Protein backbone atom coordinates (compact mmCIF):
# COMPACT_ATOMS: atom_id res chain seq x y z
CA UNK A 1 85.73 137.25 45.08
CA UNK A 2 87.13 133.56 45.12
CA UNK A 3 90.68 135.40 44.68
CA UNK A 4 89.92 137.32 47.81
CA UNK A 5 88.85 134.40 50.02
CA UNK A 6 91.99 132.73 49.07
CA UNK A 7 94.24 135.21 49.53
CA UNK A 8 93.00 135.90 53.11
CA UNK A 9 93.31 132.02 53.56
CA UNK A 10 97.11 132.31 52.50
CA UNK A 11 97.64 135.23 55.37
CA UNK A 12 95.78 133.06 57.99
CA UNK A 13 97.89 130.23 57.14
CA UNK A 14 101.01 132.20 57.14
CA UNK A 15 100.13 133.59 60.66
CA UNK A 16 99.56 130.20 62.21
CA UNK A 17 102.94 128.82 60.98
CA UNK A 18 104.70 132.04 62.37
CA UNK A 19 103.02 131.13 65.72
CA UNK A 20 103.35 127.42 66.02
CA UNK A 21 106.34 125.95 65.32
CA UNK A 22 106.41 122.85 63.25
CA UNK A 23 109.71 122.08 63.56
CA UNK A 24 110.67 118.65 65.51
CA UNK A 25 112.02 119.09 69.24
CA UNK A 26 115.75 119.06 68.81
CA UNK A 27 117.08 119.12 72.20
CA UNK A 28 118.50 116.01 74.63
CA UNK A 29 115.87 114.94 76.60
CA UNK A 30 117.54 116.26 79.61
CA UNK A 31 117.63 119.87 78.36
CA UNK A 32 116.33 122.92 80.55
CA UNK A 33 115.83 126.27 79.31
CA UNK A 34 117.85 128.75 81.32
CA UNK A 35 115.89 130.09 84.14
CA UNK A 36 113.88 127.14 84.88
CA UNK A 37 114.35 124.34 87.49
CA UNK A 38 113.39 120.85 87.00
CA UNK A 39 110.39 120.05 89.08
CA UNK A 40 109.37 116.07 89.69
CA UNK A 41 105.75 116.15 88.11
CA UNK A 42 103.99 113.01 87.03
CA UNK A 43 101.67 112.69 83.99
CA UNK A 44 98.83 110.46 83.01
CA UNK A 45 97.99 109.74 79.43
CA UNK A 46 94.90 108.04 78.19
CA UNK A 47 93.34 107.51 74.42
CA UNK A 48 91.20 110.52 75.15
CA UNK A 49 92.97 112.80 77.62
CA UNK A 50 96.12 113.99 79.00
CA UNK A 51 96.62 115.64 82.32
CA UNK A 52 99.18 116.53 84.66
CA UNK A 53 98.41 115.03 87.96
CA UNK A 54 99.05 116.42 91.38
CA UNK A 55 102.45 117.47 93.02
CA UNK A 56 104.12 114.85 94.55
CA UNK A 57 106.91 115.48 97.23
CA UNK A 58 109.68 112.64 98.50
CA UNK A 59 108.83 111.79 102.12
CA UNK A 60 111.04 110.77 104.71
CA UNK A 61 109.46 107.81 106.59
CA UNK A 62 111.11 106.68 110.05
CA UNK A 63 112.40 102.88 109.82
CA UNK A 64 110.69 101.05 112.23
CA UNK A 65 112.76 97.78 112.97
CA UNK A 66 110.70 94.27 112.71
CA UNK A 67 107.51 96.54 112.68
CA UNK A 68 105.52 93.80 111.32
CA UNK A 69 107.05 91.07 113.36
CA UNK A 70 107.31 88.70 110.31
CA UNK A 71 110.76 87.45 111.63
CA UNK A 72 109.13 85.46 113.89
CA UNK A 73 110.84 86.94 116.94
CA UNK A 74 110.81 90.05 119.18
CA UNK A 75 114.11 91.54 117.59
CA UNK A 76 114.29 95.10 117.90
CA UNK A 77 111.71 95.51 120.64
CA UNK A 78 111.62 95.52 124.39
CA UNK A 79 109.56 96.28 127.24
CA UNK A 80 108.60 99.70 128.91
CA UNK A 81 108.91 99.36 132.62
CA UNK A 82 108.55 95.13 132.69
CA UNK A 83 106.31 92.67 131.33
CA UNK A 84 107.00 89.45 128.96
CA UNK A 85 107.42 89.88 124.97
CA UNK A 86 106.55 87.04 123.14
CA UNK A 87 105.54 86.34 119.53
CA UNK A 88 102.12 84.90 118.77
CA UNK A 89 100.86 83.52 115.34
CA UNK A 90 98.03 85.84 113.82
CA UNK A 91 97.16 85.79 110.54
CA UNK A 92 94.36 88.66 110.43
CA UNK A 93 96.72 91.43 109.45
CA UNK A 94 97.76 89.98 106.34
CA UNK A 95 101.15 87.93 108.09
CA UNK A 96 102.00 85.41 110.23
CA UNK A 97 102.95 86.74 113.53
CA UNK A 98 102.12 89.74 115.78
CA UNK A 99 103.78 90.91 119.25
CA UNK A 100 102.22 90.17 122.29
CA UNK A 101 102.99 91.96 125.64
CA UNK A 102 101.66 90.02 128.86
CA UNK A 103 102.38 90.30 132.53
CA UNK A 104 101.72 93.87 132.52
CA UNK A 105 101.32 95.08 136.23
CA UNK A 106 100.84 98.86 135.53
CA UNK A 107 99.27 100.65 132.78
CA UNK A 108 102.35 102.38 131.83
CA UNK A 109 103.89 99.01 130.83
CA UNK A 110 103.99 98.20 126.92
CA UNK A 111 106.04 97.38 123.97
CA UNK A 112 108.83 99.76 122.98
CA UNK A 113 111.50 100.46 120.44
CA UNK A 114 114.06 102.92 119.50
CA UNK A 115 112.99 106.07 117.24
CA UNK A 116 115.26 106.49 114.50
CA UNK A 117 116.75 110.11 114.25
CA UNK A 118 117.32 109.77 110.56
CA UNK A 119 114.45 112.01 109.48
CA UNK A 120 113.88 113.80 113.14
CA UNK A 121 114.00 117.40 112.07
CA UNK A 122 112.41 120.13 113.64
CA UNK A 123 108.62 120.77 112.30
CA UNK A 124 108.31 117.62 110.53
CA UNK A 125 104.88 115.86 110.91
CA UNK A 126 104.80 112.12 110.97
CA UNK A 127 101.90 109.58 111.41
CA UNK A 128 102.06 106.58 113.39
CA UNK A 129 99.99 103.34 112.34
CA UNK A 130 99.53 100.21 113.84
CA UNK A 131 97.06 97.46 114.39
CA UNK A 132 96.44 96.64 118.08
CA UNK A 133 94.00 94.22 119.79
CA UNK A 134 93.27 94.18 123.67
CA UNK A 135 92.87 90.46 125.60
CA UNK A 136 93.37 89.45 128.97
CA UNK A 137 95.72 86.42 130.31
CA UNK A 138 93.15 83.79 129.21
CA UNK A 139 93.27 85.49 125.55
CA UNK A 140 89.46 86.88 125.92
CA UNK A 141 88.66 89.83 124.14
CA UNK A 142 89.06 93.23 126.19
CA UNK A 143 87.00 96.40 125.22
CA UNK A 144 88.22 99.88 125.70
CA UNK A 145 86.39 103.24 125.08
CA UNK A 146 88.28 105.83 122.70
CA UNK A 147 86.03 108.64 123.78
CA UNK A 148 86.61 108.18 127.46
CA UNK A 149 89.04 111.25 127.55
CA UNK A 150 92.10 110.88 130.53
CA UNK A 151 89.66 107.92 131.76
CA UNK A 152 89.94 105.79 128.91
CA UNK A 153 91.94 102.59 128.61
CA UNK A 154 92.64 102.40 125.12
CA UNK A 155 96.33 102.53 123.82
CA UNK A 156 98.28 105.87 123.28
CA UNK A 157 101.76 106.05 121.75
CA UNK A 158 104.46 107.96 124.05
CA UNK A 159 107.76 109.12 122.94
CA UNK A 160 110.17 109.19 125.25
CA UNK A 161 113.52 111.21 124.71
CA UNK A 162 116.30 112.78 126.53
CA UNK A 163 117.58 116.19 126.02
CA UNK A 164 120.88 117.60 125.03
CA UNK A 165 121.05 118.68 128.96
CA UNK A 166 120.26 115.27 130.07
CA UNK A 167 116.87 115.66 131.06
CA UNK A 168 113.94 113.13 130.25
CA UNK A 169 110.78 114.10 128.54
CA UNK A 170 107.50 112.61 127.43
CA UNK A 171 105.43 113.17 124.39
CA UNK A 172 102.09 111.69 124.37
CA UNK A 173 100.25 110.81 121.12
CA UNK A 174 96.64 109.88 121.14
CA UNK A 175 94.86 107.79 118.54
CA UNK A 176 92.66 109.96 116.30
CA UNK A 177 90.73 107.08 114.81
CA UNK A 178 87.35 107.51 116.39
CA UNK A 179 85.48 104.85 114.60
CA UNK A 180 84.94 102.86 117.56
CA UNK A 181 86.84 99.91 119.54
CA UNK A 182 85.90 96.29 117.95
CA UNK A 183 87.16 94.24 120.87
CA UNK A 184 87.02 91.01 118.59
CA UNK A 185 89.38 92.19 116.23
CA UNK A 186 92.55 94.39 115.66
CA UNK A 187 91.86 98.06 115.38
CA UNK A 188 93.83 100.70 113.59
CA UNK A 189 96.14 103.16 115.65
CA UNK A 190 96.51 106.40 113.97
CA UNK A 191 98.51 108.90 115.56
CA UNK A 192 100.09 112.29 114.35
CA UNK A 193 102.98 114.21 115.99
CA UNK A 194 105.20 117.25 114.91
CA UNK A 195 109.10 116.99 115.81
CA UNK A 196 109.95 119.73 118.49
CA UNK A 197 113.24 121.02 118.01
CA UNK A 198 114.13 119.38 121.32
CA UNK A 199 113.21 116.08 120.32
CA UNK A 200 115.30 116.64 116.94
CA UNK A 201 118.19 117.25 118.86
CA UNK A 202 117.78 114.56 121.62
CA UNK A 203 120.44 112.20 122.38
CA UNK A 204 117.99 109.24 122.25
CA UNK A 205 114.69 108.62 121.82
CA UNK A 206 112.20 105.71 121.87
CA UNK A 207 108.75 105.14 121.43
CA UNK A 208 106.13 102.64 122.85
CA UNK A 209 102.36 102.26 123.37
CA UNK A 210 101.01 102.10 126.93
CA UNK A 211 97.49 102.90 128.88
CA UNK A 212 95.66 99.68 128.80
CA UNK A 213 94.73 98.49 132.22
CA UNK A 214 97.26 96.27 134.21
CA UNK A 215 96.48 92.64 133.40
CA UNK A 216 95.62 93.52 130.00
CA UNK A 217 97.65 91.94 127.17
CA UNK A 218 98.61 93.94 124.10
CA UNK A 219 98.72 92.51 120.75
CA UNK A 220 100.47 94.65 118.42
CA UNK A 221 101.09 94.61 114.57
CA UNK A 222 102.46 96.58 111.35
CA UNK A 223 103.73 99.24 112.94
CA UNK A 224 104.98 102.58 110.63
CA UNK A 225 105.65 105.91 111.34
CA UNK A 226 105.51 107.63 107.85
CA UNK A 227 105.98 111.54 107.15
CA UNK A 228 102.99 113.57 106.52
CA UNK A 229 103.47 116.11 103.56
CA UNK A 230 100.97 119.08 103.22
CA UNK A 231 99.45 120.08 99.99
CA UNK A 232 101.46 121.71 97.54
CA UNK A 233 101.56 125.47 96.61
CA UNK A 234 97.82 126.47 96.28
CA UNK A 235 98.58 128.00 92.82
CA UNK A 236 100.36 124.59 91.53
CA UNK A 237 97.92 122.41 92.89
CA UNK A 238 95.10 124.88 90.87
CA UNK A 239 97.26 124.32 87.82
CA UNK A 240 97.48 120.79 88.39
CA UNK A 241 93.83 119.84 88.93
CA UNK A 242 92.62 122.06 85.91
CA UNK A 243 95.32 121.22 83.40
CA UNK A 244 93.36 118.74 81.38
CA UNK A 245 93.51 118.56 77.50
CA UNK A 246 91.78 116.31 75.27
CA UNK A 247 93.39 114.54 72.54
CA UNK A 248 91.60 115.30 69.08
CA UNK A 249 89.85 111.75 68.11
CA UNK A 250 92.19 109.80 70.40
CA UNK A 251 89.99 106.85 70.39
CA UNK A 252 89.29 106.93 66.89
CA UNK A 253 85.49 106.82 67.61
CA UNK A 254 84.88 109.41 64.93
CA UNK A 255 85.13 107.06 61.82
CA UNK A 256 87.36 109.25 60.25
CA UNK A 257 89.63 107.35 57.62
CA UNK A 258 91.59 110.58 56.39
CA UNK A 259 91.70 114.10 56.73
CA UNK A 260 91.60 116.27 53.04
CA UNK A 261 92.92 119.56 52.85
CA UNK A 262 92.27 121.79 50.07
CA UNK A 263 95.15 121.95 47.67
CA UNK A 264 96.01 125.79 48.68
CA UNK A 265 96.70 124.89 52.05
């Protein structure tokens, strides 16, 4: 009986060794088997687990010149339809300065900057992020209602561009942050827009913040325009979310000093 058991174990051992290669990986680190492409994947490893992190894609963010105004001047910015730009000392947003647009006589006046074409490809989606505070000429806080619709005096973003035929057009981007307006502090502006073919082919493009009532001072800081990338392919996302494997006794909490195998293994 013992001989039969030993014989069966030898057969099992032989099958395992045939199906699992114990030979060290001999290829160069950059080796890729034929028929496969290199896909950027992030990994995470700890003492007890190993997992493939969610798929990541390189984004193309639109540069905003002097978007945090830490140069201490208004370089890269000008006014839409008039008013006066100046630098104001404010430390609420992690820096020392912000932009102040005063002497606004219409709601269409606002701080304006060039929109770079470096990433403006048709179909791409971008989010616009900024910090905004409203004040009067005496620097008293001014309130607004973001839920008032067309009657709201809260800031919106406007993209102004010129088509290949020379026609001027405007694209309006509202604030999708509906958490309410705190008149005594800087508020988050978060807008999203999709690049149209017309905008991608435009000869020049600008963006500016507008719509607060005439006489309202716009305080602006930390302006960013970032590409929004959709989730990865559904099958890949399922794989990356579920591909988690545990490392046997990776944290050495089993108190096993050594593993012994039968001499016949």
